[in-house]
């Protein structure tokens, strides 16, 4: 079985479409939250995921755009984008986001946006936080997003092994408890502006990362058209 795993689409439809085309064919599509926020096409992204039969979890931007958490917790640019998103969400998109759980299990995998300890807010960006996350997992493997950075944290005795997968990097899934981040589809922040995704081959027990180019300038033009903050527009082309 081949599973495409994506995260942090952030209303970026061209990036999502490019990723889905690049990693096809797949038998299932899993997403790790922050479907909306930052980007100019939140409804189109929610609709695309629905049509694909995607299953996943809710991120902090999804929660803020639907009123579950206060947008004042975010920095100014993010807050402006969230408030714009909240205004344009259709009732169907809002209902789809509200229906997402904070945590979901599929076979040997636990899906969260942030971390197993705090699925909404906590960033797994250090070995200390990763160690707690590995200990909190109730399945052999965990999938997380939120940091916008492709990353692997794997238990190694009493320590944590850290890997930064690049394009086409492969990882064999073994008996070690492992946390895997597919990177961000719509807002990468690892210095590579290409959309990022992960493919799981469950039969071969193998994970493979993919980076996919898309029309960044078209997305930037649409962001300017709807009045999203200039810093959010500019950072897309730098992957930061």
Protein backbone atom coordinates (compact mmCIF):
# COMPACT_ATOMS: atom_id res chain seq x y z
CA UNK A 1 0.00 0.00 0.00
CA UNK A 2 1.32 3.41 -1.01
CA UNK A 3 0.38 6.39 1.19
CA UNK A 4 1.07 10.05 0.38
CA UNK A 5 1.66 12.12 3.52
CA UNK A 6 1.44 15.91 3.36
CA UNK A 7 1.31 18.78 5.83
CA UNK A 8 1.03 22.55 6.09
CA UNK A 9 -0.62 23.21 2.73
CA UNK A 10 -1.70 26.64 3.98
CA UNK A 11 -4.19 27.44 1.25
CA UNK A 12 -1.62 26.97 -1.53
CA UNK A 13 -3.53 25.11 -4.25
CA UNK A 14 -0.84 25.12 -7.00
CA UNK A 15 1.66 23.56 -4.58
CA UNK A 16 -0.89 20.92 -3.55
CA UNK A 17 -1.77 20.07 -7.14
CA UNK A 18 1.91 19.77 -8.08
CA UNK A 19 2.60 17.44 -5.16
CA UNK A 20 -0.38 15.20 -5.83
CA UNK A 21 0.65 14.84 -9.47
CA UNK A 22 4.28 14.14 -8.58
CA UNK A 23 3.64 11.40 -6.01
CA UNK A 24 0.78 9.68 -7.84
CA UNK A 25 -0.37 6.97 -7.89
CA UNK A 26 -1.19 6.46 -4.22
CA UNK A 27 -3.73 4.37 -2.37
CA UNK A 28 -4.38 6.83 0.47
CA UNK A 29 -3.72 10.47 1.28
CA UNK A 30 -2.97 11.55 4.86
CA UNK A 31 -2.56 15.18 5.92
CA UNK A 32 -1.13 16.60 9.14
CA UNK A 33 -2.97 19.88 9.54
CA UNK A 34 -2.73 23.56 8.68
CA UNK A 35 -4.72 23.05 5.54
CA UNK A 36 -5.45 26.80 5.56
CA UNK A 37 -3.77 30.01 6.71
CA UNK A 38 -1.19 32.15 4.84
CA UNK A 39 -2.34 31.13 1.35
CA UNK A 40 -4.97 32.59 -1.00
CA UNK A 41 -7.13 29.53 -1.83
CA UNK A 42 -8.33 27.91 1.39
CA UNK A 43 -11.68 26.70 0.07
CA UNK A 44 -10.16 25.19 -3.06
CA UNK A 45 -7.59 23.29 -0.98
CA UNK A 46 -10.21 21.92 1.42
CA UNK A 47 -12.35 20.87 -1.54
CA UNK A 48 -9.39 19.17 -3.27
CA UNK A 49 -8.56 17.16 -0.17
CA UNK A 50 -12.20 16.17 0.21
CA UNK A 51 -12.38 14.98 -3.38
CA UNK A 52 -9.22 12.92 -2.84
CA UNK A 53 -10.77 11.24 0.21
CA UNK A 54 -7.92 12.51 2.38
CA UNK A 55 -7.90 11.82 6.11
CA UNK A 56 -5.96 13.84 8.62
CA UNK A 57 -5.82 16.13 11.61
CA UNK A 58 -6.45 19.78 12.46
CA UNK A 59 -3.61 22.28 12.84
CA UNK A 60 -3.38 25.49 14.83
CA UNK A 61 -4.16 27.68 11.80
CA UNK A 62 -7.19 25.52 11.00
CA UNK A 63 -8.39 25.91 14.58
CA UNK A 64 -7.89 29.68 14.53
CA UNK A 65 -9.62 30.17 11.17
CA UNK A 66 -12.67 28.31 12.46
CA UNK A 67 -12.77 30.15 15.80
CA UNK A 68 -11.62 27.31 18.04
CA UNK A 69 -8.64 29.30 19.24
CA UNK A 70 -7.95 33.04 19.38
CA UNK A 71 -6.05 34.50 16.41
CA UNK A 72 -4.35 36.93 18.81
CA UNK A 73 -1.99 34.09 19.77
CA UNK A 74 -0.31 34.47 16.35
CA UNK A 75 2.18 37.02 15.04
CA UNK A 76 0.77 39.98 13.13
CA UNK A 77 1.16 38.61 9.60
CA UNK A 78 -0.25 35.21 10.51
CA UNK A 79 -3.15 36.84 12.36
CA UNK A 80 -4.06 39.00 9.36
CA UNK A 81 -4.00 35.92 7.10
CA UNK A 82 -6.11 33.93 9.57
CA UNK A 83 -8.70 36.69 9.84
CA UNK A 84 -8.89 36.94 6.04
CA UNK A 85 -9.23 33.15 5.79
CA UNK A 86 -12.00 33.12 8.38
CA UNK A 87 -13.95 35.68 6.36
CA UNK A 88 -13.75 33.75 3.07
CA UNK A 89 -14.25 30.17 4.30
CA UNK A 90 -17.43 28.64 2.98
CA UNK A 91 -19.75 26.80 5.39
CA UNK A 92 -18.67 23.50 3.81
CA UNK A 93 -14.96 24.27 4.29
CA UNK A 94 -15.51 25.39 7.86
CA UNK A 95 -17.44 22.21 8.65
CA UNK A 96 -14.74 20.04 7.09
CA UNK A 97 -12.01 21.70 9.19
CA UNK A 98 -14.05 21.52 12.39
CA UNK A 99 -14.64 17.81 11.81
CA UNK A 100 -10.90 17.07 11.87
CA UNK A 101 -9.54 15.53 15.10
CA UNK A 102 -6.36 16.73 16.81
CA UNK A 103 -4.95 13.20 16.75
CA UNK A 104 -5.57 10.23 14.49
CA UNK A 105 -4.22 6.69 14.27
CA UNK A 106 -3.92 4.66 11.08
CA UNK A 107 -2.41 1.23 11.66
CA UNK A 108 1.12 1.64 13.00
CA UNK A 109 1.06 5.43 12.57
CA UNK A 110 -0.12 8.25 14.83
CA UNK A 111 -0.85 11.56 13.10
CA UNK A 112 -0.61 14.93 14.86
CA UNK A 113 0.10 18.45 13.73
CA UNK A 114 2.39 19.57 16.55
CA UNK A 115 3.53 16.74 18.82
CA UNK A 116 2.08 13.69 20.59
CA UNK A 117 2.18 15.67 23.86
CA UNK A 118 0.56 18.82 22.44
CA UNK A 119 -0.95 18.17 19.01
CA UNK A 120 -1.87 21.80 18.36
CA UNK A 121 1.01 24.00 19.51
CA UNK A 122 4.25 22.19 20.36
CA UNK A 123 7.08 22.26 17.79
CA UNK A 124 9.27 19.18 17.51
CA UNK A 125 12.41 21.04 16.54
CA UNK A 126 14.93 19.70 19.06
CA UNK A 127 16.08 16.32 20.29
CA UNK A 128 14.80 17.12 23.80
CA UNK A 129 11.24 17.67 22.60
CA UNK A 130 11.55 14.75 20.18
CA UNK A 131 12.55 12.40 23.00
CA UNK A 132 9.36 13.25 24.89
CA UNK A 133 7.36 12.78 21.69
CA UNK A 134 8.88 9.37 21.06
CA UNK A 135 8.09 8.33 24.61
CA UNK A 136 4.50 9.56 24.29
CA UNK A 137 3.78 7.62 21.10
CA UNK A 138 1.42 4.66 21.46
CA UNK A 139 2.21 3.38 17.96
CA UNK A 140 5.61 2.47 16.45
CA UNK A 141 5.67 5.54 14.21
CA UNK A 142 4.50 9.14 14.47
CA UNK A 143 3.79 11.65 11.70
CA UNK A 144 3.92 15.38 12.51
CA UNK A 145 4.09 18.77 10.80
CA UNK A 146 4.03 22.34 12.14
CA UNK A 147 7.76 23.09 11.74
CA UNK A 148 7.64 23.18 7.90
CA UNK A 149 10.94 21.28 7.92
CA UNK A 150 11.44 17.69 6.66
CA UNK A 151 12.89 15.81 9.61
CA UNK A 152 13.24 12.41 11.25
CA UNK A 153 13.73 11.73 14.95
CA UNK A 154 14.41 8.11 15.79
CA UNK A 155 14.95 6.39 19.12
CA UNK A 156 18.47 5.04 19.53
CA UNK A 157 18.96 3.47 22.93
CA UNK A 158 18.43 6.30 25.37
CA UNK A 159 19.24 8.98 22.81
CA UNK A 160 17.61 10.43 19.69
CA UNK A 161 19.00 10.17 16.16
CA UNK A 162 18.16 13.14 13.91
CA UNK A 163 18.00 13.04 10.12
CA UNK A 164 17.27 15.85 7.64
CA UNK A 165 15.97 14.11 4.52
CA UNK A 166 16.50 15.78 1.14
CA UNK A 167 14.79 15.15 -2.20
CA UNK A 168 14.37 11.40 -2.88
CA UNK A 169 15.89 10.45 0.48
CA UNK A 170 14.71 7.05 1.68
CA UNK A 171 14.36 5.64 5.18
CA UNK A 172 13.74 2.04 6.09
CA UNK A 173 11.20 1.74 8.89
CA UNK A 174 12.39 -0.79 11.43
CA UNK A 175 11.76 -1.70 15.06
CA UNK A 176 12.91 1.71 16.31
CA UNK A 177 10.22 4.18 17.37
CA UNK A 178 10.33 7.01 14.81
CA UNK A 179 8.85 10.47 14.27
CA UNK A 180 8.66 11.64 10.65
CA UNK A 181 7.90 15.11 9.28
CA UNK A 182 7.03 15.34 5.55
CA UNK A 183 7.88 19.05 5.40
CA UNK A 184 5.47 21.69 4.13
CA UNK A 185 3.53 21.65 0.88
CA UNK A 186 2.58 25.30 0.77
CA UNK A 187 5.07 27.16 2.94
CA UNK A 188 8.50 25.40 3.19
CA UNK A 189 10.93 26.91 5.69
CA UNK A 190 14.09 24.88 5.25
CA UNK A 191 15.62 27.12 2.60
CA UNK A 192 14.16 25.12 -0.31
CA UNK A 193 11.04 26.78 -1.78
CA UNK A 194 9.84 23.61 -3.50
CA UNK A 195 6.82 21.86 -2.01
CA UNK A 196 7.67 18.90 0.20
CA UNK A 197 5.90 15.57 0.72
CA UNK A 198 6.47 12.06 2.03
CA UNK A 199 5.44 8.72 0.53
CA UNK A 200 5.10 5.63 2.69
CA UNK A 201 5.38 2.19 1.09
CA UNK A 202 3.75 0.16 3.84
CA UNK A 203 4.56 -3.18 2.22
CA UNK A 204 8.26 -2.41 1.84
CA UNK A 205 8.26 -0.44 5.14
CA UNK A 206 10.00 2.46 3.42
CA UNK A 207 9.57 6.24 3.61
CA UNK A 208 10.64 8.50 0.72
CA UNK A 209 10.70 12.32 0.64
CA UNK A 210 9.95 14.35 -2.47
CA UNK A 211 10.50 18.01 -3.38
CA UNK A 212 8.29 19.40 -6.12
CA UNK A 213 8.55 22.68 -8.04
CA UNK A 214 5.38 24.69 -8.63
CA UNK A 215 4.36 28.11 -9.94
CA UNK A 216 5.32 30.27 -6.97
CA UNK A 217 4.84 33.53 -8.85
CA UNK A 218 1.22 32.68 -9.64
CA UNK A 219 0.53 32.10 -5.95
CA UNK A 220 2.29 35.33 -5.01
CA UNK A 221 0.21 37.27 -7.53
CA UNK A 222 -2.99 35.85 -6.09
CA UNK A 223 -1.86 36.65 -2.54
CA UNK A 224 -1.22 40.27 -3.52
CA UNK A 225 -4.60 40.41 -5.27
CA UNK A 226 -6.49 39.45 -2.10
CA UNK A 227 -4.34 41.68 0.12
CA UNK A 228 -2.35 39.18 2.17
CA UNK A 229 0.75 40.55 3.98
CA UNK A 230 3.78 41.32 1.80
CA UNK A 231 6.17 39.36 4.03
CA UNK A 232 4.14 36.20 3.52
CA UNK A 233 4.21 36.79 -0.22
CA UNK A 234 7.97 37.35 -0.40
CA UNK A 235 9.02 34.44 1.77
CA UNK A 236 7.48 31.85 -0.58
CA UNK A 237 10.25 32.23 -3.15
CA UNK A 238 12.96 31.89 -0.49
CA UNK A 239 11.58 28.88 1.37
CA UNK A 240 12.02 30.64 4.69
